[in-house]
Amino acid sequence: MKFKEFFDSLLDGKLIGQKCKDCGAYTCPPKACCDNCGSRNLE
């Protein structure tokens, strides 16, 4: 997810985040790696 997509969603009144494909943790705002396990495998 790109920051533009994240901020555009905020303007639409929606809060979106990323889900780690390895551990299932969610993160918001978008980051390069998972806060929980450090994986870069985010969707």
PDB file of N, CA and C in Angstrom:
ATOM      1  N   MET A   1       0.847  -1.164   0.000  1.00  0.00           N
ATOM      2  CA  MET A   1       0.000   0.000   0.000  1.00  0.00           C
ATOM      3  C   MET A   1       0.900   1.236   0.000  1.00  0.00           C
ATOM      4  N   LYS A   2       0.515   2.206  -0.790  1.00  0.00           N
ATOM      5  CA  LYS A   2       1.267   3.451  -0.854  1.00  0.00           C
ATOM      6  C   LYS A   2       0.623   4.485   0.058  1.00  0.00           C
ATOM      7  N   PHE A   3       1.429   5.459   0.494  1.00  0.00           N
ATOM      8  CA  PHE A   3       0.908   6.497   1.390  1.00  0.00           C
ATOM      9  C   PHE A   3      -0.231   7.273   0.752  1.00  0.00           C
ATOM     10  N   LYS A   4      -0.166   7.508  -0.563  1.00  0.00           N
ATOM     11  CA  LYS A   4      -1.246   8.240  -1.242  1.00  0.00           C
ATOM     12  C   LYS A   4      -2.567   7.500  -1.080  1.00  0.00           C
ATOM     13  N   GLU A   5      -2.544   6.189  -1.274  1.00  0.00           N
ATOM     14  CA  GLU A   5      -3.757   5.374  -1.107  1.00  0.00           C
ATOM     15  C   GLU A   5      -4.280   5.481   0.330  1.00  0.00           C
ATOM     16  N   PHE A   6      -3.371   5.453   1.299  1.00  0.00           N
ATOM     17  CA  PHE A   6      -3.753   5.563   2.702  1.00  0.00           C
ATOM     18  C   PHE A   6      -4.406   6.916   2.985  1.00  0.00           C
ATOM     19  N   PHE A   7      -3.767   8.004   2.555  1.00  0.00           N
ATOM     20  CA  PHE A   7      -4.309   9.337   2.829  1.00  0.00           C
ATOM     21  C   PHE A   7      -5.582   9.621   2.038  1.00  0.00           C
ATOM     22  N   ASP A   8      -5.679   9.114   0.826  1.00  0.00           N
ATOM     23  CA  ASP A   8      -6.925   9.259   0.063  1.00  0.00           C
ATOM     24  C   ASP A   8      -8.081   8.564   0.780  1.00  0.00           C
ATOM     25  N   SER A   9      -7.803   7.405   1.381  1.00  0.00           N
ATOM     26  CA  SER A   9      -8.858   6.698   2.117  1.00  0.00           C
ATOM     27  C   SER A   9      -9.308   7.514   3.331  1.00  0.00           C
ATOM     28  N   LEU A  10      -8.382   8.201   3.987  1.00  0.00           N
ATOM     29  CA  LEU A  10      -8.756   9.052   5.122  1.00  0.00           C
ATOM     30  C   LEU A  10      -9.677  10.178   4.679  1.00  0.00           C
ATOM     31  N   LEU A  11      -9.391  10.757   3.512  1.00  0.00           N
ATOM     32  CA  LEU A  11     -10.247  11.815   2.982  1.00  0.00           C
ATOM     33  C   LEU A  11     -11.651  11.302   2.681  1.00  0.00           C
ATOM     34  N   ASP A  12     -11.756  10.004   2.364  1.00  0.00           N
ATOM     35  CA  ASP A  12     -13.054   9.374   2.102  1.00  0.00           C
ATOM     36  C   ASP A  12     -13.723   8.887   3.389  1.00  0.00           C
ATOM     37  N   GLY A  13     -13.086   9.141   4.538  1.00  0.00           N
ATOM     38  CA  GLY A  13     -13.655   8.721   5.815  1.00  0.00           C
ATOM     39  C   GLY A  13     -13.405   7.266   6.157  1.00  0.00           C
ATOM     40  N   LYS A  14     -12.395   6.653   5.532  1.00  0.00           N
ATOM     41  CA  LYS A  14     -12.084   5.244   5.773  1.00  0.00           C
ATOM     42  C   LYS A  14     -10.673   5.119   6.336  1.00  0.00           C
ATOM     43  N   LEU A  15     -10.497   4.189   7.245  1.00  0.00           N
ATOM     44  CA  LEU A  15      -9.186   3.891   7.793  1.00  0.00           C
ATOM     45  C   LEU A  15      -8.779   2.512   7.291  1.00  0.00           C
ATOM     46  N   ILE A  16      -7.704   2.456   6.525  1.00  0.00           N
ATOM     47  CA  ILE A  16      -7.230   1.179   5.994  1.00  0.00           C
ATOM     48  C   ILE A  16      -5.827   0.913   6.520  1.00  0.00           C
ATOM     49  N   GLY A  17      -5.446  -0.341   6.536  1.00  0.00           N
ATOM     50  CA  GLY A  17      -4.128  -0.728   7.008  1.00  0.00           C
ATOM     51  C   GLY A  17      -3.589  -1.873   6.178  1.00  0.00           C
ATOM     52  N   GLN A  18      -2.521  -2.461   6.670  1.00  0.00           N
ATOM     53  CA  GLN A  18      -1.898  -3.591   5.994  1.00  0.00           C
ATOM     54  C   GLN A  18      -1.965  -4.810   6.906  1.00  0.00           C
ATOM     55  N   LYS A  19      -2.005  -5.989   6.290  1.00  0.00           N
ATOM     56  CA  LYS A  19      -1.983  -7.236   7.043  1.00  0.00           C
ATOM     57  C   LYS A  19      -0.728  -8.009   6.663  1.00  0.00           C
ATOM     58  N   CYS A  20      -0.029  -8.506   7.671  1.00  0.00           N
ATOM     59  CA  CYS A  20       1.159  -9.323   7.444  1.00  0.00           C
ATOM     60  C   CYS A  20       0.717 -10.713   7.001  1.00  0.00           C
ATOM     61  N   LYS A  21       1.262 -11.174   5.885  1.00  0.00           N
ATOM     62  CA  LYS A  21       0.913 -12.502   5.375  1.00  0.00           C
ATOM     63  C   LYS A  21       1.588 -13.611   6.185  1.00  0.00           C
ATOM     64  N   ASP A  22       2.596 -13.259   6.988  1.00  0.00           N
ATOM     65  CA  ASP A  22       3.309 -14.276   7.763  1.00  0.00           C
ATOM     66  C   ASP A  22       2.713 -14.501   9.155  1.00  0.00           C
ATOM     67  N   CYS A  23       2.404 -13.409   9.880  1.00  0.00           N
ATOM     68  CA  CYS A  23       1.911 -13.587  11.255  1.00  0.00           C
ATOM     69  C   CYS A  23       0.465 -13.145  11.445  1.00  0.00           C
ATOM     70  N   GLY A  24      -0.111 -12.446  10.443  1.00  0.00           N
ATOM     71  CA  GLY A  24      -1.506 -12.039  10.525  1.00  0.00           C
ATOM     72  C   GLY A  24      -1.759 -10.727  11.250  1.00  0.00           C
ATOM     73  N   ALA A  25      -0.705 -10.070  11.727  1.00  0.00           N
ATOM     74  CA  ALA A  25      -0.872  -8.795  12.434  1.00  0.00           C
ATOM     75  C   ALA A  25      -1.241  -7.685  11.453  1.00  0.00           C
ATOM     76  N   TYR A  26      -1.966  -6.702  11.956  1.00  0.00           N
ATOM     77  CA  TYR A  26      -2.346  -5.537  11.155  1.00  0.00           C
ATOM     78  C   TYR A  26      -1.495  -4.350  11.570  1.00  0.00           C
ATOM     79  N   THR A  27      -1.203  -3.470  10.612  1.00  0.00           N
ATOM     80  CA  THR A  27      -0.456  -2.254  10.905  1.00  0.00           C
ATOM     81  C   THR A  27      -1.069  -1.066  10.180  1.00  0.00           C
ATOM     82  N   CYS A  28      -1.045   0.060  10.832  1.00  0.00           N
ATOM     83  CA  CYS A  28      -1.582   1.290  10.267  1.00  0.00           C
ATOM     84  C   CYS A  28      -0.862   2.444  10.948  1.00  0.00           C
ATOM     85  N   PRO A  29      -0.327   3.390  10.231  1.00  0.00           N
ATOM     86  CA  PRO A  29      -0.306   3.594   8.790  1.00  0.00           C
ATOM     87  C   PRO A  29       0.642   2.607   8.112  1.00  0.00           C
ATOM     88  N   PRO A  30       0.654   2.600   6.766  1.00  0.00           N
ATOM     89  CA  PRO A  30       1.490   1.669   6.017  1.00  0.00           C
ATOM     90  C   PRO A  30       2.967   1.804   6.378  1.00  0.00           C
ATOM     91  N   LYS A  31       3.635   0.670   6.457  1.00  0.00           N
ATOM     92  CA  LYS A  31       5.066   0.620   6.776  1.00  0.00           C
ATOM     93  C   LYS A  31       5.742  -0.380   5.857  1.00  0.00           C
ATOM     94  N   ALA A  32       7.063  -0.371   5.871  1.00  0.00           N
ATOM     95  CA  ALA A  32       7.830  -1.278   5.020  1.00  0.00           C
ATOM     96  C   ALA A  32       7.869  -2.697   5.577  1.00  0.00           C
ATOM     97  N   CYS A  33       7.716  -2.834   6.904  1.00  0.00           N
ATOM     98  CA  CYS A  33       7.755  -4.170   7.493  1.00  0.00           C
ATOM     99  C   CYS A  33       6.789  -4.259   8.673  1.00  0.00           C
ATOM    100  N   CYS A  34       6.451  -5.464   9.028  1.00  0.00           N
ATOM    101  CA  CYS A  34       5.507  -5.747  10.110  1.00  0.00           C
ATOM    102  C   CYS A  34       6.112  -5.364  11.462  1.00  0.00           C
ATOM    103  N   ASP A  35       5.346  -4.652  12.282  1.00  0.00           N
ATOM    104  CA  ASP A  35       5.802  -4.296  13.628  1.00  0.00           C
ATOM    105  C   ASP A  35       5.918  -5.525  14.528  1.00  0.00           C
ATOM    106  N   ASN A  36       5.126  -6.537  14.257  1.00  0.00           N
ATOM    107  CA  ASN A  36       5.070  -7.716  15.118  1.00  0.00           C
ATOM    108  C   ASN A  36       6.220  -8.693  14.866  1.00  0.00           C
ATOM    109  N   CYS A  37       6.474  -9.018  13.582  1.00  0.00           N
ATOM    110  CA  CYS A  37       7.472 -10.052  13.284  1.00  0.00           C
ATOM    111  C   CYS A  37       8.619  -9.580  12.389  1.00  0.00           C
ATOM    112  N   GLY A  38       8.519  -8.372  11.838  1.00  0.00           N
ATOM    113  CA  GLY A  38       9.591  -7.841  10.991  1.00  0.00           C
ATOM    114  C   GLY A  38       9.519  -8.260   9.533  1.00  0.00           C
ATOM    115  N   SER A  39       8.523  -9.039   9.178  1.00  0.00           N
ATOM    116  CA  SER A  39       8.377  -9.497   7.794  1.00  0.00           C
ATOM    117  C   SER A  39       8.064  -8.333   6.856  1.00  0.00           C
ATOM    118  N   ARG A  40       8.511  -8.461   5.618  1.00  0.00           N
ATOM    119  CA  ARG A  40       8.180  -7.478   4.583  1.00  0.00           C
ATOM    120  C   ARG A  40       7.041  -7.987   3.698  1.00  0.00           C
ATOM    121  N   ASN A  41       6.450  -9.098   4.082  1.00  0.00           N
ATOM    122  CA  ASN A  41       5.398  -9.756   3.310  1.00  0.00           C
ATOM    123  C   ASN A  41       4.030  -9.202   3.724  1.00  0.00           C
ATOM    124  N   LEU A  42       3.744  -7.959   3.319  1.00  0.00           N
ATOM    125  CA  LEU A  42       2.510  -7.279   3.709  1.00  0.00           C
ATOM    126  C   LEU A  42       1.566  -7.147   2.530  1.00  0.00           C
ATOM    127  N   GLU A  43       0.272  -7.143   2.832  1.00  0.00           N
ATOM    128  CA  GLU A  43      -0.725  -6.940   1.776  1.00  0.00           C
ATOM    129  C   GLU A  43      -1.640  -5.807   2.140  1.00  0.00           C
TER     130      GLU A  43
END
